[in-house]
Amino acid sequence: MNIEEAVKTYQTYYCLDCGVCTGSCPVSRILPSFSPRLIVEKALLDLGDELLKDPELWSCLTCSRCFERCPAKINFPEFMRCLREEATRRGTKPVYSHHGMLQTIMELQTRGIHQKKTEWAKEAGKVAASGDTFFFVGCMPYFDVIFRDLGVDSLTVSRNVIKILNAAGIEPVVSDEEACCGHDMLWNGKPEIFKKLAEKNLDVIRQAGAKRVIFNCPEGYYTFRHHYPEFFGELGLEIIHFYDFVQDMIKQGALQLSNGTGAVTYHDPCRLGRMAKIYEGPRHILQTLADGHFHEMERNRENAVCCGTSGWANCSSGSKQIQVERLKEAKHTGAQTLVTACPKCTIHLSCALNNMDMDLQIKDLTTLIAESMD
């Protein structure tokens, strides 16, 4: 999709030039030269070459804070995604984080490499090769290796998902053949790689006989719910986020949780919160666990601030500043623990916290749930 087509698709000509998007953007606060409003303006003025060669095209967090507040309801994140596709076709690309290691892993998964995603799962509990419920693990096994030096144990989260599902009498399917959901490739301007990953995943899930797919990762959940149907039509699968599932089990009395987590606060992931509109489920679970010691940050729900970087690209000093501000906001609530609901949020905020002298713990909500079961 070229710029003219993107303008028509997302009706950016309805822009009121009010500047609400730029005023709401966490990146614009840190990098004054970055402005969603000016990006729209350049597209409308047919300044394509200047726009597509601008390295700041990749600084957008696609966090949807601008879209949430836009009076004209212009979907700037999706518009930005289309601009990135065109920029990539013309030879521009972002500065990849971690030397592009994660992008390389994602591309390799389209080439028939053999993975070992089930051995750790069998150690965690009972899993199946086929069945109604498919647990989409995503990139957690790779995160576990790459970010181990941060003290982030991503696979513990996935093991805990299996443990909790087993407690509900479910033996989920976990497959060696599952690939990355394609989220990062799509937002990094490579839809052709995204399509290959998506096609592979849909084949694996259908061959397993699954009727529903459970996600612990907000990006995988949002990508399956929003972008897979966009590219492939109706999936014929029930797409469920794990915390919705846990909340239902608590309401039904099928899962008993003890409390006593101490004072906690919660960080809304962009894909789970603003983009998927899942706000109350994680809070209901936390309120059950924290026994009255749950404290909201000032910026929460639709007003929550992104964890500072997206798609493993253009992580900068500006990203770190956003993360540091968010950690200070969490600490200001009086909480001892900042609870996250996204593996990337955990990684990015832990990375910033490691360089700060702050008495704050970062913990994934799934881990808290599993511990409360013990």
Protein backbone atom coordinates (compact mmCIF):
# COMPACT_ATOMS: atom_id res chain seq x y z
CA MET A 1 0.00 0.00 0.00
CA ASN A 2 1.55 3.33 -1.08
CA ILE A 3 1.10 6.65 0.72
CA GLU A 4 -1.88 7.75 -1.36
CA GLU A 5 -3.67 4.46 -0.70
CA ALA A 6 -2.86 4.67 3.03
CA VAL A 7 -4.27 8.20 3.20
CA LYS A 8 -7.52 7.00 1.61
CA THR A 9 -7.75 3.80 3.67
CA TYR A 10 -7.28 5.51 7.03
CA GLN A 11 -8.93 8.79 5.96
CA THR A 12 -6.11 10.94 7.27
CA TYR A 13 -7.51 13.84 5.22
CA TYR A 14 -10.00 14.20 8.10
CA CYS A 15 -7.13 15.41 10.28
CA LEU A 16 -8.21 18.58 12.11
CA ASP A 17 -4.63 19.76 12.61
CA CYS A 18 -5.48 20.12 16.31
CA GLY A 19 -2.25 18.59 17.61
CA VAL A 20 -3.96 16.31 20.15
CA CYS A 21 -2.02 13.36 18.74
CA THR A 22 1.36 15.03 19.20
CA GLY A 23 0.38 16.33 22.64
CA SER A 24 -0.59 12.79 23.68
CA CYS A 25 2.45 11.05 22.21
CA PRO A 26 5.05 9.84 24.75
CA VAL A 27 7.76 9.98 22.07
CA SER A 28 6.96 13.61 21.19
CA ARG A 29 7.47 14.58 24.82
CA ILE A 30 10.99 13.13 24.73
CA LEU A 31 11.88 13.89 21.09
CA PRO A 32 10.29 17.24 20.13
CA SER A 33 11.20 16.66 16.47
CA PHE A 34 8.80 13.68 16.34
CA SER A 35 5.18 14.61 15.65
CA PRO A 36 2.30 12.39 14.48
CA ARG A 37 0.52 15.52 13.24
CA LEU A 38 3.46 16.53 11.05
CA ILE A 39 3.76 13.00 9.65
CA VAL A 40 0.11 13.17 8.57
CA GLU A 41 0.69 16.66 7.18
CA LYS A 42 3.65 15.53 5.08
CA ALA A 43 1.59 12.65 3.68
CA LEU A 44 -1.24 15.02 2.75
CA LEU A 45 1.21 17.45 1.14
CA ASP A 46 2.63 14.61 -0.97
CA LEU A 47 6.10 14.86 0.60
CA GLY A 48 6.63 11.13 0.18
CA ASP A 49 10.39 11.03 -0.34
CA GLU A 50 11.07 13.19 2.69
CA LEU A 51 8.62 11.24 4.83
CA LEU A 52 9.73 7.72 3.91
CA LYS A 53 13.43 8.48 4.38
CA ASP A 54 12.91 10.01 7.82
CA PRO A 55 14.52 7.69 10.44
CA GLU A 56 11.96 8.89 12.98
CA LEU A 57 9.32 6.96 11.05
CA TRP A 58 10.51 4.04 13.16
CA SER A 59 10.49 5.89 16.48
CA CYS A 60 6.70 5.67 16.76
CA LEU A 61 5.76 3.18 19.50
CA THR A 62 2.46 2.39 17.71
CA CYS A 63 1.02 2.49 21.23
CA SER A 64 -2.32 3.94 20.02
CA ARG A 65 -2.43 6.73 22.60
CA CYS A 66 -2.91 9.22 19.76
CA PHE A 67 -5.72 7.16 18.19
CA GLU A 68 -7.44 6.86 21.56
CA ARG A 69 -7.66 10.65 21.83
CA CYS A 70 -8.00 11.71 18.18
CA PRO A 71 -11.29 13.65 17.70
CA ALA A 72 -11.35 12.62 14.02
CA LYS A 73 -10.72 8.94 14.93
CA ILE A 74 -7.74 8.60 12.57
CA ASN A 75 -6.03 5.27 13.20
CA PHE A 76 -2.49 6.63 13.21
CA PRO A 77 -0.77 3.36 14.27
CA GLU A 78 -2.22 1.47 11.28
CA PHE A 79 -1.41 4.41 9.01
CA MET A 80 2.16 4.30 10.32
CA ARG A 81 2.31 0.55 9.64
CA CYS A 82 1.46 1.19 5.98
CA LEU A 83 4.08 3.93 5.71
CA ARG A 84 6.69 1.54 7.07
CA GLU A 85 5.79 -1.07 4.47
CA GLU A 86 6.33 1.45 1.70
CA ALA A 87 9.55 2.72 3.31
CA THR A 88 10.86 -0.86 3.52
CA ARG A 89 10.09 -1.43 -0.15
CA ARG A 90 12.18 1.64 -0.92
CA GLY A 91 15.14 0.32 1.10
CA THR A 92 14.71 2.15 4.43
CA LYS A 93 14.72 0.17 7.66
CA PRO A 94 14.88 0.82 11.41
CA VAL A 95 17.83 0.41 13.73
CA TYR A 96 17.24 -3.09 15.07
CA SER A 97 17.78 -3.73 18.78
CA HIS A 98 20.14 -6.48 19.95
CA HIS A 99 21.90 -6.50 16.56
CA GLY A 100 18.76 -7.76 14.83
CA MET A 101 18.97 -11.12 16.60
CA LEU A 102 15.23 -11.37 17.16
CA GLN A 103 14.34 -10.43 13.58
CA THR A 104 16.79 -13.09 12.37
CA ILE A 105 15.10 -15.73 14.54
CA MET A 106 11.70 -14.72 13.18
CA GLU A 107 12.83 -14.96 9.57
CA LEU A 108 14.51 -18.33 10.20
CA GLN A 109 11.20 -19.70 11.44
CA THR A 110 9.81 -19.33 7.92
CA ARG A 111 12.52 -21.63 6.54
CA GLY A 112 11.54 -24.94 8.11
CA ILE A 113 14.01 -24.97 11.00
CA HIS A 114 13.31 -27.53 13.71
CA GLN A 115 12.55 -26.12 17.15
CA LYS A 116 12.33 -27.75 20.56
CA LYS A 117 9.43 -26.05 22.30
CA THR A 118 7.88 -29.05 24.03
CA GLU A 119 10.56 -30.46 26.34
CA TRP A 120 10.29 -27.63 28.88
CA ALA A 121 6.48 -27.80 28.58
CA LYS A 122 6.45 -31.49 29.50
CA GLU A 123 8.52 -30.65 32.57
CA ALA A 124 5.99 -27.98 33.54
CA GLY A 125 2.94 -30.23 33.50
CA LYS A 126 0.66 -32.21 31.25
CA VAL A 127 0.55 -31.15 27.60
CA ALA A 128 -0.90 -32.81 24.52
CA ALA A 129 0.00 -33.25 20.86
CA SER A 130 -3.60 -32.69 19.81
CA GLY A 131 -6.80 -31.46 21.39
CA ASP A 132 -9.34 -28.67 21.71
CA THR A 133 -7.10 -26.11 23.46
CA PHE A 134 -3.87 -24.82 21.93
CA PHE A 135 -1.50 -22.79 24.11
CA PHE A 136 0.33 -20.35 21.82
CA VAL A 137 3.71 -19.92 23.50
CA GLY A 138 5.13 -17.36 21.06
CA CYS A 139 8.70 -16.14 21.41
CA MET A 140 9.05 -16.81 25.14
CA PRO A 141 11.67 -19.61 24.75
CA TYR A 142 13.90 -17.21 22.80
CA PHE A 143 13.33 -14.34 25.23
CA ASP A 144 14.38 -16.68 28.02
CA VAL A 145 17.80 -17.21 26.44
CA ILE A 146 18.45 -13.70 25.14
CA PHE A 147 17.39 -11.75 28.24
CA ARG A 148 18.50 -14.10 30.98
CA ASP A 149 21.13 -11.57 32.06
CA LEU A 150 18.31 -9.19 33.07
CA GLY A 151 16.99 -11.73 35.53
CA VAL A 152 13.88 -12.19 33.37
CA ASP A 153 12.84 -15.84 33.29
CA SER A 154 10.28 -15.82 30.47
CA LEU A 155 9.80 -19.58 30.37
CA THR A 156 8.72 -19.62 34.01
CA VAL A 157 5.71 -17.58 32.89
CA SER A 158 4.88 -20.13 30.18
CA ARG A 159 5.36 -23.01 32.61
CA ASN A 160 2.95 -21.31 35.00
CA VAL A 161 0.33 -21.00 32.26
CA ILE A 162 0.49 -24.78 31.80
CA LYS A 163 0.36 -25.32 35.55
CA ILE A 164 -2.77 -23.17 35.89
CA LEU A 165 -4.47 -24.74 32.88
CA ASN A 166 -3.74 -28.19 34.33
CA ALA A 167 -5.34 -27.07 37.60
CA ALA A 168 -8.48 -26.33 35.56
CA GLY A 169 -8.36 -29.83 34.09
CA ILE A 170 -6.96 -28.74 30.71
CA GLU A 171 -4.02 -30.38 28.98
CA PRO A 172 -3.12 -27.80 26.32
CA VAL A 173 -1.49 -28.53 23.00
CA VAL A 174 2.08 -27.18 22.77
CA SER A 175 3.81 -27.62 19.42
CA ASP A 176 7.42 -27.63 18.29
CA GLU A 177 6.22 -26.38 14.91
CA GLU A 178 4.61 -23.17 16.19
CA ALA A 179 6.37 -19.99 15.01
CA CYS A 180 6.42 -16.34 16.05
CA CYS A 181 2.98 -14.75 15.59
CA GLY A 182 4.51 -12.26 13.13
CA HIS A 183 3.66 -9.12 15.10
CA ASP A 184 7.11 -7.56 14.89
CA MET A 185 7.61 -8.35 11.22
CA LEU A 186 4.28 -6.71 10.42
CA TRP A 187 5.12 -3.54 12.35
CA ASN A 188 8.68 -3.50 10.99
CA GLY A 189 7.36 -3.18 7.44
CA LYS A 190 7.71 -6.81 6.34
CA PRO A 191 4.19 -8.15 5.68
CA GLU A 192 5.51 -10.93 3.44
CA ILE A 193 7.38 -12.47 6.40
CA PHE A 194 4.33 -11.94 8.60
CA LYS A 195 2.14 -13.86 6.15
CA LYS A 196 4.52 -16.83 6.06
CA LEU A 197 4.63 -17.02 9.86
CA ALA A 198 0.86 -16.66 10.13
CA GLU A 199 0.14 -19.35 7.54
CA LYS A 200 2.47 -21.74 9.32
CA ASN A 201 0.80 -21.10 12.69
CA LEU A 202 -2.71 -21.56 11.36
CA ASP A 203 -1.72 -24.85 9.72
CA VAL A 204 -0.14 -26.13 12.95
CA ILE A 205 -3.14 -25.14 15.08
CA ARG A 206 -5.69 -26.67 12.71
CA GLN A 207 -3.69 -29.89 12.30
CA ALA A 208 -3.72 -30.23 16.10
CA GLY A 209 -7.52 -30.20 15.98
CA ALA A 210 -7.74 -27.15 18.24
CA LYS A 211 -10.92 -25.12 18.51
CA ARG A 212 -9.58 -22.43 20.80
CA VAL A 213 -6.20 -20.77 21.22
CA ILE A 214 -5.05 -19.29 24.54
CA PHE A 215 -2.47 -16.50 24.62
CA ASN A 216 -0.43 -15.16 27.50
CA CYS A 217 1.28 -12.60 25.24
CA PRO A 218 -0.83 -9.49 24.41
CA GLU A 219 0.90 -9.04 21.05
CA GLY A 220 0.13 -12.58 19.93
CA TYR A 221 -3.46 -12.23 21.13
CA TYR A 222 -4.00 -8.90 19.36
CA THR A 223 -2.31 -10.09 16.17
CA PHE A 224 -4.47 -13.21 15.95
CA ARG A 225 -7.67 -11.32 16.75
CA HIS A 226 -7.06 -8.27 14.58
CA HIS A 227 -4.49 -8.91 11.83
CA TYR A 228 -4.90 -12.61 11.04
CA PRO A 229 -8.56 -12.11 9.99
CA GLU A 230 -7.49 -9.01 8.03
CA PHE A 231 -5.15 -11.14 5.90
CA PHE A 232 -6.85 -14.57 5.99
CA GLY A 233 -10.54 -13.99 6.72
CA GLU A 234 -12.54 -15.72 9.45
CA LEU A 235 -10.26 -18.11 11.35
CA GLY A 236 -12.87 -20.47 12.76
CA LEU A 237 -11.01 -20.42 16.09
CA GLU A 238 -11.89 -19.02 19.50
CA ILE A 239 -9.13 -16.56 20.45
CA ILE A 240 -8.81 -16.17 24.23
CA HIS A 241 -6.48 -14.16 26.40
CA PHE A 242 -5.25 -16.11 29.40
CA TYR A 243 -6.38 -13.52 31.95
CA ASP A 244 -9.93 -13.60 30.67
CA PHE A 245 -9.80 -17.36 31.12
CA VAL A 246 -8.42 -17.04 34.68
CA GLN A 247 -11.02 -14.43 35.61
CA ASP A 248 -13.81 -16.77 34.48
CA MET A 249 -12.33 -19.63 36.52
CA ILE A 250 -12.22 -17.41 39.62
CA LYS A 251 -15.86 -16.35 39.14
CA GLN A 252 -16.92 -19.97 38.69
CA GLY A 253 -15.00 -21.06 41.80
CA ALA A 254 -12.84 -23.39 39.71
CA LEU A 255 -9.65 -21.63 40.79
CA GLN A 256 -8.95 -20.71 44.40
CA LEU A 257 -6.30 -18.06 45.02
CA SER A 258 -4.81 -16.96 48.31
CA ASN A 259 -3.93 -13.32 48.91
CA GLY A 260 -0.93 -11.61 50.47
CA THR A 261 1.12 -10.20 47.62
CA GLY A 262 1.90 -6.96 49.46
CA ALA A 263 1.36 -3.58 47.85
CA VAL A 264 1.20 -3.82 44.06
CA THR A 265 0.49 -1.61 41.06
CA TYR A 266 -0.28 -2.58 37.47
CA HIS A 267 1.13 -1.52 34.11
CA ASP A 268 -1.34 -1.72 31.19
CA PRO A 269 0.35 -3.12 28.05
CA CYS A 270 -0.60 -1.16 24.92
CA ARG A 271 -1.78 -4.20 22.93
CA LEU A 272 -3.78 -5.63 25.84
CA GLY A 273 -5.20 -2.34 27.07
CA ARG A 274 -5.81 0.40 24.52
CA MET A 275 -5.80 -1.90 21.51
CA ALA A 276 -7.64 -5.00 22.81
CA LYS A 277 -9.65 -3.12 25.50
CA ILE A 278 -8.81 -5.63 28.24
CA TYR A 279 -8.53 -3.51 31.37
CA GLU A 280 -10.63 -5.01 34.13
CA GLY A 281 -9.71 -8.72 33.98
CA PRO A 282 -6.10 -8.28 35.19
CA ARG A 283 -7.30 -5.79 37.83
CA HIS A 284 -9.96 -8.16 39.11
CA ILE A 285 -7.31 -10.85 39.50
CA LEU A 286 -4.90 -8.46 41.22
CA GLN A 287 -7.55 -7.22 43.62
CA THR A 288 -8.22 -10.84 44.55
CA LEU A 289 -4.51 -11.42 45.15
CA ALA A 290 -3.57 -8.13 46.80
CA ASP A 291 -6.34 -8.07 49.42
CA GLY A 292 -6.87 -4.32 49.30
CA HIS A 293 -3.24 -3.42 48.60
CA PHE A 294 -3.66 -2.69 44.89
CA HIS A 295 -2.72 0.89 43.98
CA GLU A 296 -3.34 2.47 40.56
CA MET A 297 -0.71 4.58 38.86
CA GLU A 298 -1.85 8.05 37.88
CA ARG A 299 -1.78 7.12 34.20
CA ASN A 300 -3.74 3.91 33.80
CA ARG A 301 -6.10 2.08 31.45
CA GLU A 302 -6.51 4.07 28.20
CA ASN A 303 -4.14 6.76 29.53
CA ALA A 304 -1.34 4.34 30.45
CA VAL A 305 2.12 5.00 29.03
CA CYS A 306 3.92 2.51 26.77
CA CYS A 307 6.93 0.61 28.13
CA GLY A 308 9.13 2.62 25.78
CA THR A 309 9.97 0.55 22.71
CA SER A 310 8.24 -1.68 20.18
CA GLY A 311 9.15 -4.34 17.64
CA TRP A 312 12.76 -4.57 18.87
CA ALA A 313 13.64 -1.45 16.89
CA ASN A 314 14.85 2.10 17.54
CA CYS A 315 15.42 1.60 21.25
CA SER A 316 17.08 4.86 22.27
CA SER A 317 17.90 7.10 25.19
CA GLY A 318 14.38 8.44 24.68
CA SER A 319 13.00 4.94 25.26
CA LYS A 320 14.95 4.72 28.49
CA GLN A 321 13.60 8.07 29.64
CA ILE A 322 10.03 6.87 29.09
CA GLN A 323 10.78 3.70 31.05
CA VAL A 324 12.41 5.55 33.93
CA GLU A 325 9.43 7.90 34.23
CA ARG A 326 7.06 4.93 34.28
CA LEU A 327 9.06 3.18 37.01
CA LYS A 328 9.08 6.33 39.12
CA GLU A 329 5.34 6.62 38.66
CA ALA A 330 4.94 3.03 39.88
CA LYS A 331 7.13 3.66 42.91
CA HIS A 332 5.18 6.84 43.74
CA THR A 333 2.06 4.73 44.40
CA GLY A 334 3.79 3.16 47.40
CA ALA A 335 3.74 -0.26 45.74
CA GLN A 336 6.48 -2.77 46.40
CA THR A 337 5.84 -4.63 43.13
CA LEU A 338 5.07 -3.43 39.61
CA VAL A 339 2.96 -6.12 37.96
CA THR A 340 3.20 -6.54 34.21
CA ALA A 341 1.05 -8.54 31.80
CA CYS A 342 3.33 -8.62 28.76
CA PRO A 343 6.73 -10.29 28.31
CA LYS A 344 8.14 -7.30 26.43
CA CYS A 345 6.99 -4.87 29.12
CA THR A 346 8.74 -7.05 31.70
CA ILE A 347 11.95 -7.07 29.66
CA HIS A 348 12.02 -3.36 28.82
CA LEU A 349 11.12 -2.13 32.32
CA SER A 350 13.54 -4.60 33.95
CA CYS A 351 16.30 -3.36 31.65
CA ALA A 352 15.74 0.21 32.86
CA LEU A 353 15.35 -0.81 36.50
CA ASN A 354 18.71 -2.62 36.45
CA ASN A 355 20.39 0.76 36.01
CA MET A 356 18.42 2.51 38.75
CA ASP A 357 18.75 2.61 42.51
CA MET A 358 15.11 1.85 43.22
CA ASP A 359 13.54 -0.58 45.65
CA LEU A 360 10.91 -1.97 43.31
CA GLN A 361 10.22 -5.48 42.10
CA ILE A 362 8.83 -6.29 38.65
CA LYS A 363 6.71 -9.40 38.39
CA ASP A 364 4.50 -10.99 35.76
CA LEU A 365 0.85 -11.43 36.73
CA THR A 366 0.87 -15.09 35.68
CA THR A 367 3.68 -15.78 38.15
CA LEU A 368 1.69 -14.12 40.95
CA ILE A 369 -1.32 -16.29 40.11
CA ALA A 370 0.76 -19.48 40.18
CA GLU A 371 2.39 -18.54 43.48
CA SER A 372 -1.00 -17.82 45.05
CA MET A 373 -2.11 -21.33 44.06
CA ASP A 374 0.77 -22.78 46.08
